[in-house]
Amino acid sequence: MREDDFSPWGALIAFVLAVLMIGGGALLLLASRPEPPAITLLPPVPTATPAPSATPGPIEVYVIGAVANPQTTHRLPVGSRVQDAIDAAGGLLDEADKDAFNPAARLYDGVLIAIPTRGSEAATQPTPVGGQRVRLNTASLEELMSLPGIGRATAERILAYREQVGRFMALEDLDAVEGIGPATLERLRPLVSLDN
């Protein structure tokens, strides 16, 4: 093409066409752009403040036997031990059989603590923790270990049974725990319960 073949009208038309093409392309690009998602601001969800847990009240225990003040009821803080109840009852008498009970056993509300004298019939029988039966479905490791013939390993297996299988539904369920046979089960029968 020669220079004199390119007229100003031709340049103007080419320029207008280029502008129209660029404008049309921009419009097409804007029209095909996706709609932006609507953003909705919600007020924060109020969180419930947990109610403070009630402080457990004191427990009441009844102490009989070889103590300075037998047949007395004592109010003690939750978490008290047999020794706390003995102290509240004035301490042990000289004839008390100190090997017949566990002074470190934890107490529960309403428990009877019977302290036998040396040589009495009660002193020759295994004594449940704090004068009461050990609750198989809620007893701690320490409470289970206070039972005759139950060491740490067997007590841990009892706790594992509760976690894996669930509650003991009958005392005979103890036979399923390794280390507890028929003889041990019979020895434990008067010392344990299924109460919660």
C-alpha atoms as a PDB file:
ATOM      1  CA  MET A   1       0.000   0.000   0.000  1.00  0.00           C
ATOM      2  CA  ARG A   2       1.261   3.427  -0.905  1.00  0.00           C
ATOM      3  CA  GLU A   3       1.215   6.355   1.423  1.00  0.00           C
ATOM      4  CA  ASP A   4      -1.217   8.344  -0.738  1.00  0.00           C
ATOM      5  CA  ASP A   5      -3.645   5.355  -0.792  1.00  0.00           C
ATOM      6  CA  PHE A   6      -4.159   5.776   3.018  1.00  0.00           C
ATOM      7  CA  SER A   7      -6.657   8.656   3.332  1.00  0.00           C
ATOM      8  CA  PRO A   8      -7.553  10.537   6.528  1.00  0.00           C
ATOM      9  CA  TRP A   9     -11.053   9.073   6.278  1.00  0.00           C
ATOM     10  CA  GLY A  10      -9.651   5.592   6.224  1.00  0.00           C
ATOM     11  CA  ALA A  11      -7.547   6.355   9.310  1.00  0.00           C
ATOM     12  CA  LEU A  12     -10.580   7.772  11.070  1.00  0.00           C
ATOM     13  CA  ILE A  13     -12.681   4.730  10.260  1.00  0.00           C
ATOM     14  CA  ALA A  14      -9.869   2.423  11.428  1.00  0.00           C
ATOM     15  CA  PHE A  15      -9.578   4.416  14.652  1.00  0.00           C
ATOM     16  CA  VAL A  16     -13.361   4.306  15.287  1.00  0.00           C
ATOM     17  CA  LEU A  17     -13.408   0.576  14.619  1.00  0.00           C
ATOM     18  CA  ALA A  18     -10.532   0.032  17.035  1.00  0.00           C
ATOM     19  CA  VAL A  19     -12.294   2.106  19.728  1.00  0.00           C
ATOM     20  CA  LEU A  20     -15.543   0.201  19.167  1.00  0.00           C
ATOM     21  CA  MET A  21     -13.750  -3.131  19.381  1.00  0.00           C
ATOM     22  CA  ILE A  22     -11.935  -2.168  22.583  1.00  0.00           C
ATOM     23  CA  GLY A  23     -15.149  -0.761  24.116  1.00  0.00           C
ATOM     24  CA  GLY A  24     -17.161  -3.827  23.078  1.00  0.00           C
ATOM     25  CA  GLY A  25     -14.530  -6.129  24.549  1.00  0.00           C
ATOM     26  CA  ALA A  26     -14.555  -4.188  27.836  1.00  0.00           C
ATOM     27  CA  LEU A  27     -18.377  -4.338  27.968  1.00  0.00           C
ATOM     28  CA  LEU A  28     -18.305  -8.069  27.249  1.00  0.00           C
ATOM     29  CA  LEU A  29     -15.708  -8.582  29.978  1.00  0.00           C
ATOM     30  CA  LEU A  30     -17.761  -6.604  32.519  1.00  0.00           C
ATOM     31  CA  ALA A  31     -20.977  -8.412  31.573  1.00  0.00           C
ATOM     32  CA  SER A  32     -19.415 -11.867  31.982  1.00  0.00           C
ATOM     33  CA  ARG A  33     -17.862 -11.066  35.379  1.00  0.00           C
ATOM     34  CA  PRO A  34     -19.590 -13.067  38.186  1.00  0.00           C
ATOM     35  CA  GLU A  35     -21.762 -11.283  40.708  1.00  0.00           C
ATOM     36  CA  PRO A  36     -19.833 -10.772  43.966  1.00  0.00           C
ATOM     37  CA  PRO A  37     -21.327 -12.726  46.879  1.00  0.00           C
ATOM     38  CA  ALA A  38     -23.446 -10.766  49.299  1.00  0.00           C
ATOM     39  CA  ILE A  39     -21.824 -10.403  52.697  1.00  0.00           C
ATOM     40  CA  THR A  40     -24.156 -10.388  55.668  1.00  0.00           C
ATOM     41  CA  LEU A  41     -22.825  -9.353  59.031  1.00  0.00           C
ATOM     42  CA  LEU A  42     -24.558 -11.092  61.931  1.00  0.00           C
ATOM     43  CA  PRO A  43     -24.310 -10.005  65.539  1.00  0.00           C
ATOM     44  CA  PRO A  44     -22.183 -12.315  67.704  1.00  0.00           C
ATOM     45  CA  VAL A  45     -24.026 -15.257  69.226  1.00  0.00           C
ATOM     46  CA  PRO A  46     -24.271 -14.759  72.975  1.00  0.00           C
ATOM     47  CA  THR A  47     -22.531 -17.532  74.899  1.00  0.00           C
ATOM     48  CA  ALA A  48     -24.120 -18.862  78.011  1.00  0.00           C
ATOM     49  CA  THR A  49     -22.017 -18.362  81.080  1.00  0.00           C
ATOM     50  CA  PRO A  50     -21.915 -21.648  82.965  1.00  0.00           C
ATOM     51  CA  ALA A  51     -23.558 -21.468  86.332  1.00  0.00           C
ATOM     52  CA  PRO A  52     -21.113 -21.862  89.171  1.00  0.00           C
ATOM     53  CA  SER A  53     -21.169 -25.348  90.631  1.00  0.00           C
ATOM     54  CA  ALA A  54     -22.546 -25.648  94.101  1.00  0.00           C
ATOM     55  CA  THR A  55     -20.041 -26.208  96.848  1.00  0.00           C
ATOM     56  CA  PRO A  56     -20.819 -29.586  98.367  1.00  0.00           C
ATOM     57  CA  GLY A  57     -22.029 -29.356 101.924  1.00  0.00           C
ATOM     58  CA  PRO A  58     -20.555 -31.240 104.834  1.00  0.00           C
ATOM     59  CA  ILE A  59     -21.124 -34.951 105.313  1.00  0.00           C
ATOM     60  CA  GLU A  60     -22.405 -36.628 108.462  1.00  0.00           C
ATOM     61  CA  VAL A  61     -20.844 -39.802 109.847  1.00  0.00           C
ATOM     62  CA  TYR A  62     -21.670 -41.933 112.876  1.00  0.00           C
ATOM     63  CA  VAL A  63     -18.796 -43.313 114.960  1.00  0.00           C
ATOM     64  CA  ILE A  64     -19.121 -46.279 117.320  1.00  0.00           C
ATOM     65  CA  GLY A  65     -16.744 -48.626 119.074  1.00  0.00           C
ATOM     66  CA  ALA A  66     -13.344 -48.032 120.641  1.00  0.00           C
ATOM     67  CA  VAL A  67     -13.204 -44.210 120.551  1.00  0.00           C
ATOM     68  CA  ALA A  68     -13.332 -41.688 123.382  1.00  0.00           C
ATOM     69  CA  ASN A  69     -16.845 -40.511 122.461  1.00  0.00           C
ATOM     70  CA  PRO A  70     -18.665 -43.462 120.836  1.00  0.00           C
ATOM     71  CA  GLN A  71     -22.163 -43.371 119.377  1.00  0.00           C
ATOM     72  CA  THR A  72     -21.775 -39.814 118.121  1.00  0.00           C
ATOM     73  CA  THR A  73     -22.610 -38.134 114.834  1.00  0.00           C
ATOM     74  CA  HIS A  74     -20.064 -35.731 113.357  1.00  0.00           C
ATOM     75  CA  ARG A  75     -20.262 -33.212 110.517  1.00  0.00           C
ATOM     76  CA  LEU A  76     -17.098 -33.267 108.426  1.00  0.00           C
ATOM     77  CA  PRO A  77     -16.032 -31.597 105.173  1.00  0.00           C
ATOM     78  CA  VAL A  78     -16.420 -33.508 101.915  1.00  0.00           C
ATOM     79  CA  GLY A  79     -13.254 -35.494 101.256  1.00  0.00           C
ATOM     80  CA  SER A  80     -12.665 -36.329 104.920  1.00  0.00           C
ATOM     81  CA  ARG A  81     -10.974 -39.581 105.890  1.00  0.00           C
ATOM     82  CA  VAL A  82     -11.685 -42.194 108.578  1.00  0.00           C
ATOM     83  CA  GLN A  83      -8.931 -40.649 110.718  1.00  0.00           C
ATOM     84  CA  ASP A  84     -10.789 -37.302 110.648  1.00  0.00           C
ATOM     85  CA  ALA A  85     -13.888 -39.021 112.050  1.00  0.00           C
ATOM     86  CA  ILE A  86     -11.829 -40.761 114.754  1.00  0.00           C
ATOM     87  CA  ASP A  87     -10.292 -37.416 115.738  1.00  0.00           C
ATOM     88  CA  ALA A  88     -13.757 -35.831 115.864  1.00  0.00           C
ATOM     89  CA  ALA A  89     -14.879 -38.642 118.182  1.00  0.00           C
ATOM     90  CA  GLY A  90     -12.045 -37.893 120.617  1.00  0.00           C
ATOM     91  CA  GLY A  91      -9.458 -40.349 119.297  1.00  0.00           C
ATOM     92  CA  LEU A  92      -8.892 -44.074 119.718  1.00  0.00           C
ATOM     93  CA  LEU A  93      -9.017 -45.916 123.024  1.00  0.00           C
ATOM     94  CA  ASP A  94      -5.995 -47.998 124.038  1.00  0.00           C
ATOM     95  CA  GLU A  95      -7.864 -51.243 123.334  1.00  0.00           C
ATOM     96  CA  ALA A  96      -8.791 -50.239 119.763  1.00  0.00           C
ATOM     97  CA  ASP A  97      -7.632 -52.670 117.083  1.00  0.00           C
ATOM     98  CA  LYS A  98      -5.662 -50.328 114.812  1.00  0.00           C
ATOM     99  CA  ASP A  99      -5.152 -53.032 112.178  1.00  0.00           C
ATOM    100  CA  ALA A 100      -8.879 -53.594 111.635  1.00  0.00           C
ATOM    101  CA  PHE A 101      -9.601 -50.426 109.631  1.00  0.00           C
ATOM    102  CA  ASN A 102      -8.033 -48.126 107.086  1.00  0.00           C
ATOM    103  CA  PRO A 103      -7.583 -44.630 108.587  1.00  0.00           C
ATOM    104  CA  ALA A 104      -6.884 -43.156 105.131  1.00  0.00           C
ATOM    105  CA  ALA A 105     -10.162 -44.357 103.570  1.00  0.00           C
ATOM    106  CA  ARG A 106     -12.369 -41.588 102.191  1.00  0.00           C
ATOM    107  CA  LEU A 107     -15.717 -41.054 103.893  1.00  0.00           C
ATOM    108  CA  TYR A 108     -19.181 -40.622 102.404  1.00  0.00           C
ATOM    109  CA  ASP A 109     -22.307 -39.031 103.815  1.00  0.00           C
ATOM    110  CA  GLY A 110     -24.215 -41.296 106.182  1.00  0.00           C
ATOM    111  CA  VAL A 111     -21.437 -43.817 106.779  1.00  0.00           C
ATOM    112  CA  LEU A 112     -21.131 -45.840 109.994  1.00  0.00           C
ATOM    113  CA  ILE A 113     -17.563 -46.121 111.283  1.00  0.00           C
ATOM    114  CA  ALA A 114     -17.178 -49.054 113.654  1.00  0.00           C
ATOM    115  CA  ILE A 115     -13.826 -49.237 115.478  1.00  0.00           C
ATOM    116  CA  PRO A 116     -13.434 -52.714 117.011  1.00  0.00           C
ATOM    117  CA  THR A 117     -11.406 -53.600 120.089  1.00  0.00           C
ATOM    118  CA  ARG A 118      -8.513 -56.057 119.905  1.00  0.00           C
ATOM    119  CA  GLY A 119      -9.703 -59.641 120.113  1.00  0.00           C
ATOM    120  CA  SER A 120     -13.349 -58.859 119.408  1.00  0.00           C
ATOM    121  CA  GLU A 121     -15.217 -60.858 116.775  1.00  0.00           C
ATOM    122  CA  ALA A 122     -15.483 -57.757 114.569  1.00  0.00           C
ATOM    123  CA  ALA A 123     -11.703 -57.387 114.647  1.00  0.00           C
ATOM    124  CA  THR A 124     -11.224 -60.842 113.103  1.00  0.00           C
ATOM    125  CA  GLN A 125     -13.505 -60.074 110.133  1.00  0.00           C
ATOM    126  CA  PRO A 126     -12.387 -57.936 107.189  1.00  0.00           C
ATOM    127  CA  THR A 127     -13.753 -54.442 107.722  1.00  0.00           C
ATOM    128  CA  PRO A 128     -15.170 -52.497 104.781  1.00  0.00           C
ATOM    129  CA  VAL A 129     -13.670 -49.086 104.097  1.00  0.00           C
ATOM    130  CA  GLY A 130     -14.777 -46.722 106.838  1.00  0.00           C
ATOM    131  CA  GLY A 131     -17.189 -49.310 108.180  1.00  0.00           C
ATOM    132  CA  GLN A 132     -19.179 -49.427 104.938  1.00  0.00           C
ATOM    133  CA  ARG A 133     -19.126 -51.506 101.795  1.00  0.00           C
ATOM    134  CA  VAL A 134     -16.948 -50.393  98.894  1.00  0.00           C
ATOM    135  CA  ARG A 135     -19.120 -49.311  95.981  1.00  0.00           C
ATOM    136  CA  LEU A 136     -17.799 -51.222  92.975  1.00  0.00           C
ATOM    137  CA  ASN A 137     -19.251 -48.853  90.377  1.00  0.00           C
ATOM    138  CA  THR A 138     -17.859 -45.636  91.884  1.00  0.00           C
ATOM    139  CA  ALA A 139     -14.881 -46.654  94.063  1.00  0.00           C
ATOM    140  CA  SER A 140     -11.520 -44.998  93.482  1.00  0.00           C
ATOM    141  CA  LEU A 141      -8.271 -46.902  92.978  1.00  0.00           C
ATOM    142  CA  GLU A 142      -7.377 -46.297  96.627  1.00  0.00           C
ATOM    143  CA  GLU A 143     -10.735 -47.584  97.862  1.00  0.00           C
ATOM    144  CA  LEU A 144     -10.467 -50.742  95.760  1.00  0.00           C
ATOM    145  CA  MET A 145      -6.934 -51.335  97.061  1.00  0.00           C
ATOM    146  CA  SER A 146      -8.246 -51.187 100.635  1.00  0.00           C
ATOM    147  CA  LEU A 147     -10.084 -54.472 100.015  1.00  0.00           C
ATOM    148  CA  PRO A 148      -8.320 -57.661 101.160  1.00  0.00           C
ATOM    149  CA  GLY A 149      -6.513 -59.427  98.324  1.00  0.00           C
ATOM    150  CA  ILE A 150      -6.844 -56.480  95.914  1.00  0.00           C
ATOM    151  CA  GLY A 151      -3.518 -54.915  94.990  1.00  0.00           C
ATOM    152  CA  ARG A 152      -2.825 -52.049  92.615  1.00  0.00           C
ATOM    153  CA  ALA A 153      -2.811 -54.203  89.457  1.00  0.00           C
ATOM    154  CA  THR A 154      -6.162 -55.852  90.226  1.00  0.00           C
ATOM    155  CA  ALA A 155      -7.702 -52.521  91.281  1.00  0.00           C
ATOM    156  CA  GLU A 156      -6.566 -50.995  87.974  1.00  0.00           C
ATOM    157  CA  ARG A 157      -8.145 -53.928  86.090  1.00  0.00           C
ATOM    158  CA  ILE A 158     -11.433 -53.318  87.939  1.00  0.00           C
ATOM    159  CA  LEU A 159     -11.334 -49.650  86.862  1.00  0.00           C
ATOM    160  CA  ALA A 160     -10.496 -50.705  83.286  1.00  0.00           C
ATOM    161  CA  TYR A 161     -13.468 -53.110  83.299  1.00  0.00           C
ATOM    162  CA  ARG A 162     -15.777 -50.243  84.326  1.00  0.00           C
ATOM    163  CA  GLU A 163     -14.446 -48.038  81.526  1.00  0.00           C
ATOM    164  CA  GLN A 164     -14.569 -50.701  78.795  1.00  0.00           C
ATOM    165  CA  VAL A 165     -17.609 -52.808  79.753  1.00  0.00           C
ATOM    166  CA  GLY A 166     -19.596 -50.494  82.009  1.00  0.00           C
ATOM    167  CA  ARG A 167     -21.211 -50.903  85.397  1.00  0.00           C
ATOM    168  CA  PHE A 168     -20.992 -54.097  87.385  1.00  0.00           C
ATOM    169  CA  MET A 169     -24.562 -55.426  87.232  1.00  0.00           C
ATOM    170  CA  ALA A 170     -23.945 -58.282  89.683  1.00  0.00           C
ATOM    171  CA  LEU A 171     -21.151 -59.130  92.108  1.00  0.00           C
ATOM    172  CA  GLU A 172     -20.434 -62.209  89.999  1.00  0.00           C
ATOM    173  CA  ASP A 173     -19.277 -59.837  87.197  1.00  0.00           C
ATOM    174  CA  LEU A 174     -16.089 -59.400  89.253  1.00  0.00           C
ATOM    175  CA  ASP A 175     -15.141 -62.937  88.188  1.00  0.00           C
ATOM    176  CA  ALA A 176     -14.546 -61.534  84.671  1.00  0.00           C
ATOM    177  CA  VAL A 177     -11.713 -59.355  86.021  1.00  0.00           C
ATOM    178  CA  GLU A 178      -8.326 -61.040  85.745  1.00  0.00           C
ATOM    179  CA  GLY A 179      -6.943 -61.832  89.189  1.00  0.00           C
ATOM    180  CA  ILE A 180     -10.333 -62.328  90.864  1.00  0.00           C
ATOM    181  CA  GLY A 181     -11.395 -65.939  91.162  1.00  0.00           C
ATOM    182  CA  PRO A 182     -14.218 -67.635  93.073  1.00  0.00           C
ATOM    183  CA  ALA A 183     -12.316 -67.584  96.399  1.00  0.00           C
ATOM    184  CA  THR A 184     -11.540 -63.867  96.182  1.00  0.00           C
ATOM    185  CA  LEU A 185     -15.106 -63.150  95.085  1.00  0.00           C
ATOM    186  CA  GLU A 186     -16.490 -64.899  98.179  1.00  0.00           C
ATOM    187  CA  ARG A 187     -14.071 -63.000 100.418  1.00  0.00           C
ATOM    188  CA  LEU A 188     -15.173 -59.691  98.851  1.00  0.00           C
ATOM    189  CA  ARG A 189     -18.911 -60.431  98.856  1.00  0.00           C
ATOM    190  CA  PRO A 190     -19.621 -58.930 102.333  1.00  0.00           C
ATOM    191  CA  LEU A 191     -17.328 -55.959 101.654  1.00  0.00           C
ATOM    192  CA  VAL A 192     -18.579 -54.593  98.323  1.00  0.00           C
ATOM    193  CA  SER A 193     -21.865 -53.306  96.921  1.00  0.00           C
ATOM    194  CA  LEU A 194     -23.258 -52.249  93.554  1.00  0.00           C
ATOM    195  CA  ASP A 195     -24.682 -48.968  94.850  1.00  0.00           C
ATOM    196  CA  ASN A 196     -23.825 -45.777  92.968  1.00  0.00           C
END
